Every structure is written in C-alpha cells, then in structure tokens.
Amino acid sequence: MFCADWSREDVAQAPTLEEARAFVADYQAAADREFTPAERTLCSAAFAYSVAYTSRCSHASGVDARSVPGTFQHLIATVGTGLLDLCA
C-alpha cells in the first residue's frame, strides 16, 4: 500500500510537525530513554531531508502542492527550516 494514496487529496500524505514530534516522543518512550544530543540532531536532520526530498520528487512531476495541507510540499512551505527543530 506504500504510495497507493499519494494521488488522493482527501488523505494526508505528510505528518504535521506536532505529529512527527509525538512519534519521536513515543519512540523514546518505547526505547525507555531520551535521545542523546547527537541523536536529536540526526533525527531532526533526517526528518528535514526526507520532507524536502519527497517535496522535490512531487514537484519534479509538475505538481505544486504548497497550498494543499497534508502534503510534504505544504509542510516544508509552512514550516521551512523549523523542520530542523523536530527534536529541539
């Protein structure tokens, strides 16, 4: 089912920043420890990269979804470098 819903506009493709932070919190709770500073930096950078790359891929196909909530393009357009603060 991966990618099966990417063309649907009624299904959110990207998490909100709050949802991504909740995922990180749940992950740390499951691991029963907080991320180290280096792990927080890596996690934030990986998140920002994946959002930017996915946005680029959809834009390369001629889709401009910056104004469509729930898309990766909208997430990066509205949050920008704040994506790097995921684990701040």
PDB file of N, CA and C in Angstrom:
ATOM      1  N   MET A   1       0.806  -1.202   0.000  1.00  0.00           N
ATOM      2  CA  MET A   1       0.000   0.000   0.000  1.00  0.00           C
ATOM      3  C   MET A   1       0.849   1.265   0.000  1.00  0.00           C
ATOM      4  N   PHE A   2       2.173   1.152   0.180  1.00  0.00           N
ATOM      5  CA  PHE A   2       3.011   2.341   0.183  1.00  0.00           C
ATOM      6  C   PHE A   2       2.831   3.098  -1.123  1.00  0.00           C
ATOM      7  N   CYS A   3       2.586   4.362  -1.030  1.00  0.00           N
ATOM      8  CA  CYS A   3       2.389   5.275  -2.162  1.00  0.00           C
ATOM      9  C   CYS A   3       1.013   5.134  -2.804  1.00  0.00           C
ATOM     10  N   ALA A   4       0.220   4.182  -2.382  1.00  0.00           N
ATOM     11  CA  ALA A   4      -1.075   3.955  -3.031  1.00  0.00           C
ATOM     12  C   ALA A   4      -2.003   5.149  -2.885  1.00  0.00           C
ATOM     13  N   ASP A   5      -1.866   5.906  -1.813  1.00  0.00           N
ATOM     14  CA  ASP A   5      -2.781   7.022  -1.587  1.00  0.00           C
ATOM     15  C   ASP A   5      -2.177   8.386  -1.922  1.00  0.00           C
ATOM     16  N   TRP A   6      -1.011   8.416  -2.531  1.00  0.00           N
ATOM     17  CA  TRP A   6      -0.345   9.699  -2.772  1.00  0.00           C
ATOM     18  C   TRP A   6      -1.104  10.587  -3.733  1.00  0.00           C
ATOM     19  N   SER A   7      -1.900  10.018  -4.602  1.00  0.00           N
ATOM     20  CA  SER A   7      -2.640  10.843  -5.556  1.00  0.00           C
ATOM     21  C   SER A   7      -3.971  11.307  -4.995  1.00  0.00           C
ATOM     22  N   ARG A   8      -4.344  10.835  -3.825  1.00  0.00           N
ATOM     23  CA  ARG A   8      -5.613  11.231  -3.206  1.00  0.00           C
ATOM     24  C   ARG A   8      -5.418  12.511  -2.422  1.00  0.00           C
ATOM     25  N   GLU A   9      -6.289  13.467  -2.655  1.00  0.00           N
ATOM     26  CA  GLU A   9      -6.192  14.731  -1.933  1.00  0.00           C
ATOM     27  C   GLU A   9      -6.959  14.705  -0.616  1.00  0.00           C
ATOM     28  N   ASP A  10      -7.759  13.662  -0.396  1.00  0.00           N
ATOM     29  CA  ASP A  10      -8.545  13.589   0.838  1.00  0.00           C
ATOM     30  C   ASP A  10      -7.816  12.827   1.943  1.00  0.00           C
ATOM     31  N   VAL A  11      -6.570  12.416   1.674  1.00  0.00           N
ATOM     32  CA  VAL A  11      -5.770  11.677   2.640  1.00  0.00           C
ATOM     33  C   VAL A  11      -4.469  12.448   2.862  1.00  0.00           C
ATOM     34  N   ALA A  12      -4.168  12.760   4.125  1.00  0.00           N
ATOM     35  CA  ALA A  12      -2.917  13.457   4.424  1.00  0.00           C
ATOM     36  C   ALA A  12      -1.737  12.557   4.083  1.00  0.00           C
ATOM     37  N   GLN A  13      -0.790  13.102   3.352  1.00  0.00           N
ATOM     38  CA  GLN A  13       0.405  12.353   2.969  1.00  0.00           C
ATOM     39  C   GLN A  13       1.522  12.555   3.974  1.00  0.00           C
ATOM     40  N   ALA A  14       1.570  13.732   4.556  1.00  0.00           N
ATOM     41  CA  ALA A  14       2.666  14.099   5.454  1.00  0.00           C
ATOM     42  C   ALA A  14       2.130  14.323   6.865  1.00  0.00           C
ATOM     43  N   PRO A  15       2.971  14.059   7.844  1.00  0.00           N
ATOM     44  CA  PRO A  15       2.549  14.357   9.214  1.00  0.00           C
ATOM     45  C   PRO A  15       2.650  15.857   9.462  1.00  0.00           C
ATOM     46  N   THR A  16       1.954  16.331  10.442  1.00  0.00           N
ATOM     47  CA  THR A  16       2.199  17.693  10.898  1.00  0.00           C
ATOM     48  C   THR A  16       3.465  17.655  11.743  1.00  0.00           C
ATOM     49  N   LEU A  17       4.033  18.809  12.019  1.00  0.00           N
ATOM     50  CA  LEU A  17       5.219  18.847  12.873  1.00  0.00           C
ATOM     51  C   LEU A  17       4.883  18.291  14.253  1.00  0.00           C
ATOM     52  N   GLU A  18       3.686  18.576  14.745  1.00  0.00           N
ATOM     53  CA  GLU A  18       3.260  18.064  16.047  1.00  0.00           C
ATOM     54  C   GLU A  18       3.132  16.544  16.035  1.00  0.00           C
ATOM     55  N   GLU A  19       2.604  15.991  14.945  1.00  0.00           N
ATOM     56  CA  GLU A  19       2.510  14.527  14.829  1.00  0.00           C
ATOM     57  C   GLU A  19       3.889  13.886  14.774  1.00  0.00           C
ATOM     58  N   ALA A  20       4.813  14.521  14.061  1.00  0.00           N
ATOM     59  CA  ALA A  20       6.174  13.987  13.987  1.00  0.00           C
ATOM     60  C   ALA A  20       6.838  14.038  15.363  1.00  0.00           C
ATOM     61  N   ARG A  21       6.614  15.122  16.092  1.00  0.00           N
ATOM     62  CA  ARG A  21       7.176  15.213  17.445  1.00  0.00           C
ATOM     63  C   ARG A  21       6.559  14.161  18.368  1.00  0.00           C
ATOM     64  N   ALA A  22       5.285  13.900  18.212  1.00  0.00           N
ATOM     65  CA  ALA A  22       4.626  12.868  19.022  1.00  0.00           C
ATOM     66  C   ALA A  22       5.213  11.496  18.701  1.00  0.00           C
ATOM     67  N   PHE A  23       5.517  11.248  17.427  1.00  0.00           N
ATOM     68  CA  PHE A  23       6.148   9.979  17.038  1.00  0.00           C
ATOM     69  C   PHE A  23       7.504   9.831  17.720  1.00  0.00           C
ATOM     70  N   VAL A  24       8.295  10.894  17.713  1.00  0.00           N
ATOM     71  CA  VAL A  24       9.614  10.854  18.350  1.00  0.00           C
ATOM     72  C   VAL A  24       9.460  10.594  19.847  1.00  0.00           C
ATOM     73  N   ALA A  25       8.494  11.250  20.470  1.00  0.00           N
ATOM     74  CA  ALA A  25       8.262  11.038  21.906  1.00  0.00           C
ATOM     75  C   ALA A  25       7.854   9.595  22.183  1.00  0.00           C
ATOM     76  N   ASP A  26       6.982   9.038  21.360  1.00  0.00           N
ATOM     77  CA  ASP A  26       6.578   7.643  21.518  1.00  0.00           C
ATOM     78  C   ASP A  26       7.762   6.698  21.316  1.00  0.00           C
ATOM     79  N   TYR A  27       8.615   7.011  20.349  1.00  0.00           N
ATOM     80  CA  TYR A  27       9.797   6.185  20.079  1.00  0.00           C
ATOM     81  C   TYR A  27      10.717   6.171  21.288  1.00  0.00           C
ATOM     82  N   GLN A  28      10.967   7.357  21.849  1.00  0.00           N
ATOM     83  CA  GLN A  28      11.827   7.445  23.020  1.00  0.00           C
ATOM     84  C   GLN A  28      11.208   6.711  24.213  1.00  0.00           C
ATOM     85  N   ALA A  29       9.896   6.810  24.363  1.00  0.00           N
ATOM     86  CA  ALA A  29       9.219   6.103  25.453  1.00  0.00           C
ATOM     87  C   ALA A  29       9.354   4.594  25.277  1.00  0.00           C
ATOM     88  N   ALA A  30       9.212   4.129  24.047  1.00  0.00           N
ATOM     89  CA  ALA A  30       9.348   2.697  23.781  1.00  0.00           C
ATOM     90  C   ALA A  30      10.779   2.228  24.035  1.00  0.00           C
ATOM     91  N   ALA A  31      11.744   3.083  23.744  1.00  0.00           N
ATOM     92  CA  ALA A  31      13.146   2.746  23.978  1.00  0.00           C
ATOM     93  C   ALA A  31      13.532   2.944  25.441  1.00  0.00           C
ATOM     94  N   ASP A  32      12.647   3.565  26.191  1.00  0.00           N
ATOM     95  CA  ASP A  32      12.854   3.840  27.612  1.00  0.00           C
ATOM     96  C   ASP A  32      14.084   4.712  27.865  1.00  0.00           C
ATOM     97  N   ARG A  33      14.299   5.659  26.942  1.00  0.00           N
ATOM     98  CA  ARG A  33      15.392   6.616  27.125  1.00  0.00           C
ATOM     99  C   ARG A  33      15.213   7.794  26.177  1.00  0.00           C
ATOM    100  N   GLU A  34      15.782   8.911  26.558  1.00  0.00           N
ATOM    101  CA  GLU A  34      15.781  10.095  25.707  1.00  0.00           C
ATOM    102  C   GLU A  34      16.901   9.975  24.672  1.00  0.00           C
ATOM    103  N   PHE A  35      16.725  10.612  23.537  1.00  0.00           N
ATOM    104  CA  PHE A  35      17.800  10.667  22.557  1.00  0.00           C
ATOM    105  C   PHE A  35      18.959  11.484  23.112  1.00  0.00           C
ATOM    106  N   THR A  36      20.154  11.140  22.719  1.00  0.00           N
ATOM    107  CA  THR A  36      21.327  11.942  23.050  1.00  0.00           C
ATOM    108  C   THR A  36      21.279  13.204  22.181  1.00  0.00           C
ATOM    109  N   PRO A  37      22.069  14.227  22.509  1.00  0.00           N
ATOM    110  CA  PRO A  37      22.110  15.414  21.641  1.00  0.00           C
ATOM    111  C   PRO A  37      22.453  15.066  20.185  1.00  0.00           C
ATOM    112  N   ALA A  38      23.405  14.168  19.985  1.00  0.00           N
ATOM    113  CA  ALA A  38      23.763  13.773  18.620  1.00  0.00           C
ATOM    114  C   ALA A  38      22.598  13.069  17.927  1.00  0.00           C
ATOM    115  N   GLU A  39      21.878  12.223  18.649  1.00  0.00           N
ATOM    116  CA  GLU A  39      20.721  11.540  18.067  1.00  0.00           C
ATOM    117  C   GLU A  39      19.597  12.514  17.747  1.00  0.00           C
ATOM    118  N   ARG A  40      19.398  13.520  18.581  1.00  0.00           N
ATOM    119  CA  ARG A  40      18.375  14.540  18.306  1.00  0.00           C
ATOM    120  C   ARG A  40      18.715  15.317  17.032  1.00  0.00           C
ATOM    121  N   THR A  41      19.984  15.661  16.893  1.00  0.00           N
ATOM    122  CA  THR A  41      20.426  16.378  15.692  1.00  0.00           C
ATOM    123  C   THR A  41      20.227  15.517  14.457  1.00  0.00           C
ATOM    124  N   LEU A  42      20.625  14.261  14.533  1.00  0.00           N
ATOM    125  CA  LEU A  42      20.482  13.345  13.407  1.00  0.00           C
ATOM    126  C   LEU A  42      19.010  13.123  13.057  1.00  0.00           C
ATOM    127  N   CYS A  43      18.181  12.934  14.052  1.00  0.00           N
ATOM    128  CA  CYS A  43      16.747  12.715  13.825  1.00  0.00           C
ATOM    129  C   CYS A  43      16.115  13.920  13.131  1.00  0.00           C
ATOM    130  N   SER A  44      16.423  15.098  13.624  1.00  0.00           N
ATOM    131  CA  SER A  44      15.872  16.322  13.034  1.00  0.00           C
ATOM    132  C   SER A  44      16.344  16.498  11.596  1.00  0.00           C
ATOM    133  N   ALA A  45      17.636  16.266  11.355  1.00  0.00           N
ATOM    134  CA  ALA A  45      18.180  16.412  10.005  1.00  0.00           C
ATOM    135  C   ALA A  45      17.573  15.385   9.049  1.00  0.00           C
ATOM    136  N   ALA A  46      17.416  14.162   9.505  1.00  0.00           N
ATOM    137  CA  ALA A  46      16.829  13.119   8.666  1.00  0.00           C
ATOM    138  C   ALA A  46      15.379  13.450   8.317  1.00  0.00           C
ATOM    139  N   PHE A  47      14.651  13.986   9.286  1.00  0.00           N
ATOM    140  CA  PHE A  47      13.266  14.374   9.036  1.00  0.00           C
ATOM    141  C   PHE A  47      13.205  15.503   8.002  1.00  0.00           C
ATOM    142  N   ALA A  48      14.020  16.542   8.199  1.00  0.00           N
ATOM    143  CA  ALA A  48      14.026  17.666   7.263  1.00  0.00           C
ATOM    144  C   ALA A  48      14.407  17.202   5.857  1.00  0.00           C
ATOM    145  N   TYR A  49      15.420  16.344   5.780  1.00  0.00           N
ATOM    146  CA  TYR A  49      15.848  15.833   4.475  1.00  0.00           C
ATOM    147  C   TYR A  49      14.732  15.048   3.801  1.00  0.00           C
ATOM    148  N   SER A  50      14.088  14.156   4.534  1.00  0.00           N
ATOM    149  CA  SER A  50      13.060  13.315   3.915  1.00  0.00           C
ATOM    150  C   SER A  50      11.869  14.140   3.448  1.00  0.00           C
ATOM    151  N   VAL A  51      11.512  15.159   4.213  1.00  0.00           N
ATOM    152  CA  VAL A  51      10.410  16.034   3.798  1.00  0.00           C
ATOM    153  C   VAL A  51      10.817  16.815   2.547  1.00  0.00           C
ATOM    154  N   ALA A  52      12.026  17.367   2.543  1.00  0.00           N
ATOM    155  CA  ALA A  52      12.494  18.138   1.390  1.00  0.00           C
ATOM    156  C   ALA A  52      12.609  17.257   0.139  1.00  0.00           C
ATOM    157  N   TYR A  53      13.154  16.062   0.302  1.00  0.00           N
ATOM    158  CA  TYR A  53      13.321  15.167  -0.844  1.00  0.00           C
ATOM    159  C   TYR A  53      11.961  14.745  -1.412  1.00  0.00           C
ATOM    160  N   THR A  54      11.036  14.396  -0.539  1.00  0.00           N
ATOM    161  CA  THR A  54       9.710  13.978  -1.008  1.00  0.00           C
ATOM    162  C   THR A  54       9.007  15.143  -1.695  1.00  0.00           C
ATOM    163  N   SER A  55       9.174  16.344  -1.158  1.00  0.00           N
ATOM    164  CA  SER A  55       8.604  17.537  -1.784  1.00  0.00           C
ATOM    165  C   SER A  55       9.188  17.746  -3.173  1.00  0.00           C
ATOM    166  N   ARG A  56      10.496  17.576  -3.280  1.00  0.00           N
ATOM    167  CA  ARG A  56      11.170  17.741  -4.558  1.00  0.00           C
ATOM    168  C   ARG A  56      10.676  16.737  -5.583  1.00  0.00           C
ATOM    169  N   CYS A  57      10.498  15.494  -5.161  1.00  0.00           N
ATOM    170  CA  CYS A  57      10.028  14.454  -6.077  1.00  0.00           C
ATOM    171  C   CYS A  57       8.642  14.773  -6.625  1.00  0.00           C
ATOM    172  N   SER A  58       7.747  15.215  -5.766  1.00  0.00           N
ATOM    173  CA  SER A  58       6.402  15.534  -6.262  1.00  0.00           C
ATOM    174  C   SER A  58       6.425  16.785  -7.124  1.00  0.00           C
ATOM    175  N   HIS A  59       7.275  17.754  -6.786  1.00  0.00           N
ATOM    176  CA  HIS A  59       7.384  18.969  -7.585  1.00  0.00           C
ATOM    177  C   HIS A  59       7.983  18.667  -8.953  1.00  0.00           C
ATOM    178  N   ALA A  60       8.911  17.721  -9.013  1.00  0.00           N
ATOM    179  CA  ALA A  60       9.547  17.352 -10.281  1.00  0.00           C
ATOM    180  C   ALA A  60       8.545  16.783 -11.279  1.00  0.00           C
ATOM    181  N   SER A  61       7.454  16.235 -10.763  1.00  0.00           N
ATOM    182  CA  SER A  61       6.433  15.697 -11.670  1.00  0.00           C
ATOM    183  C   SER A  61       5.423  16.767 -12.077  1.00  0.00           C
ATOM    184  N   GLY A  62       5.724  18.007 -11.725  1.00  0.00           N
ATOM    185  CA  GLY A  62       4.877  19.115 -12.157  1.00  0.00           C
ATOM    186  C   GLY A  62       3.768  19.480 -11.193  1.00  0.00           C
ATOM    187  N   VAL A  63       3.797  18.926 -10.007  1.00  0.00           N
ATOM    188  CA  VAL A  63       2.755  19.188  -9.022  1.00  0.00           C
ATOM    189  C   VAL A  63       3.210  20.287  -8.076  1.00  0.00           C
ATOM    190  N   ASP A  64       2.401  21.314  -7.939  1.00  0.00           N
ATOM    191  CA  ASP A  64       2.676  22.371  -6.963  1.00  0.00           C
ATOM    192  C   ASP A  64       1.602  22.270  -5.886  1.00  0.00           C
ATOM    193  N   ALA A  65       1.964  21.640  -4.777  1.00  0.00           N
ATOM    194  CA  ALA A  65       1.005  21.390  -3.702  1.00  0.00           C
ATOM    195  C   ALA A  65       1.355  22.178  -2.440  1.00  0.00           C
ATOM    196  N   ARG A  66       2.074  23.281  -2.617  1.00  0.00           N
ATOM    197  CA  ARG A  66       2.464  24.078  -1.445  1.00  0.00           C
ATOM    198  C   ARG A  66       1.270  24.602  -0.659  1.00  0.00           C
ATOM    199  N   SER A  67       0.155  24.784  -1.321  1.00  0.00           N
ATOM    200  CA  SER A  67      -1.023  25.315  -0.637  1.00  0.00           C
ATOM    201  C   SER A  67      -2.000  24.230  -0.204  1.00  0.00           C
ATOM    202  N   VAL A  68      -1.614  22.966  -0.365  1.00  0.00           N
ATOM    203  CA  VAL A  68      -2.507  21.854  -0.028  1.00  0.00           C
ATOM    204  C   VAL A  68      -2.085  21.238   1.306  1.00  0.00           C
ATOM    205  N   PRO A  69      -2.832  21.534   2.377  1.00  0.00           N
ATOM    206  CA  PRO A  69      -2.484  20.945   3.680  1.00  0.00           C
ATOM    207  C   PRO A  69      -2.436  19.422   3.605  1.00  0.00           C
ATOM    208  N   GLY A  70      -1.483  18.856   4.339  1.00  0.00           N
ATOM    209  CA  GLY A  70      -1.344  17.401   4.355  1.00  0.00           C
ATOM    210  C   GLY A  70      -0.338  16.871   3.364  1.00  0.00           C
ATOM    211  N   THR A  71       0.247  17.758   2.540  1.00  0.00           N
ATOM    212  CA  THR A  71       1.265  17.322   1.593  1.00  0.00           C
ATOM    213  C   THR A  71       2.650  17.698   2.122  1.00  0.00           C
ATOM    214  N   PHE A  72       3.657  17.013   1.617  1.00  0.00           N
ATOM    215  CA  PHE A  72       5.022  17.319   2.019  1.00  0.00           C
ATOM    216  C   PHE A  72       5.430  18.710   1.542  1.00  0.00           C
ATOM    217  N   GLN A  73       4.948  19.117   0.376  1.00  0.00           N
ATOM    218  CA  GLN A  73       5.248  20.461  -0.110  1.00  0.00           C
ATOM    219  C   GLN A  73       4.673  21.516   0.830  1.00  0.00           C
ATOM    220  N   HIS A  74       3.472  21.295   1.315  1.00  0.00           N
ATOM    221  CA  HIS A  74       2.860  22.243   2.241  1.00  0.00           C
ATOM    222  C   HIS A  74       3.623  22.274   3.556  1.00  0.00           C
ATOM    223  N   LEU A  75       4.044  21.112   4.019  1.00  0.00           N
ATOM    224  CA  LEU A  75       4.782  21.042   5.273  1.00  0.00           C
ATOM    225  C   LEU A  75       6.070  21.855   5.184  1.00  0.00           C
ATOM    226  N   ILE A  76       6.820  21.671   4.118  1.00  0.00           N
ATOM    227  CA  ILE A  76       8.078  22.411   4.010  1.00  0.00           C
ATOM    228  C   ILE A  76       7.837  23.892   3.714  1.00  0.00           C
ATOM    229  N   ALA A  77       6.780  24.193   2.977  1.00  0.00           N
ATOM    230  CA  ALA A  77       6.481  25.591   2.673  1.00  0.00           C
ATOM    231  C   ALA A  77       6.049  26.364   3.920  1.00  0.00           C
ATOM    232  N   THR A  78       5.374  25.693   4.826  1.00  0.00           N
ATOM    233  CA  THR A  78       4.871  26.385   6.012  1.00  0.00           C
ATOM    234  C   THR A  78       5.816  26.305   7.206  1.00  0.00           C
ATOM    235  N   VAL A  79       6.604  25.251   7.304  1.00  0.00           N
ATOM    236  CA  VAL A  79       7.492  25.080   8.455  1.00  0.00           C
ATOM    237  C   VAL A  79       8.928  25.466   8.109  1.00  0.00           C
ATOM    238  N   GLY A  80       9.359  25.199   6.891  1.00  0.00           N
ATOM    239  CA  GLY A  80      10.695  25.573   6.446  1.00  0.00           C
ATOM    240  C   GLY A  80      11.794  24.995   7.315  1.00  0.00           C
ATOM    241  N   THR A  81      12.741  25.848   7.701  1.00  0.00           N
ATOM    242  CA  THR A  81      13.871  25.372   8.492  1.00  0.00           C
ATOM    243  C   THR A  81      13.460  24.922   9.887  1.00  0.00           C
ATOM    244  N   GLY A  82      12.221  25.191  10.282  1.00  0.00           N
ATOM    245  CA  GLY A  82      11.708  24.694  11.556  1.00  0.00           C
ATOM    246  C   GLY A  82      11.670  23.176  11.612  1.00  0.00           C
ATOM    247  N   LEU A  83      11.740  22.538  10.426  1.00  0.00           N
ATOM    248  CA  LEU A  83      11.806  21.077  10.403  1.00  0.00           C
ATOM    249  C   LEU A  83      13.047  20.587  11.124  1.00  0.00           C
ATOM    250  N   LEU A  84      14.093  21.394  11.135  1.00  0.00           N
ATOM    251  CA  LEU A  84      15.329  21.025  11.812  1.00  0.00           C
ATOM    252  C   LEU A  84      15.199  21.088  13.332  1.00  0.00           C
ATOM    253  N   ASP A  85      14.085  21.627  13.808  1.00  0.00           N
ATOM    254  CA  ASP A  85      13.839  21.729  15.238  1.00  0.00           C
ATOM    255  C   ASP A  85      12.943  20.596  15.747  1.00  0.00           C
ATOM    256  N   LEU A  86      12.785  19.551  14.965  1.00  0.00           N
ATOM    257  CA  LEU A  86      11.897  18.447  15.330  1.00  0.00           C
ATOM    258  C   LEU A  86      12.186  17.942  16.737  1.00  0.00           C
ATOM    259  N   CYS A  87      13.432  17.744  17.059  1.00  0.00           N
ATOM    260  CA  CYS A  87      13.798  17.161  18.348  1.00  0.00           C
ATOM    261  C   CYS A  87      14.403  18.196  19.297  1.00  0.00           C
ATOM    262  N   ALA A  88      14.122  19.431  19.057  1.00  0.00           N
ATOM    263  CA  ALA A  88      14.697  20.511  19.901  1.00  0.00           C
ATOM    264  C   ALA A  88      14.086  20.507  21.289  1.00  0.00           C
TER     265      ALA A  88
END
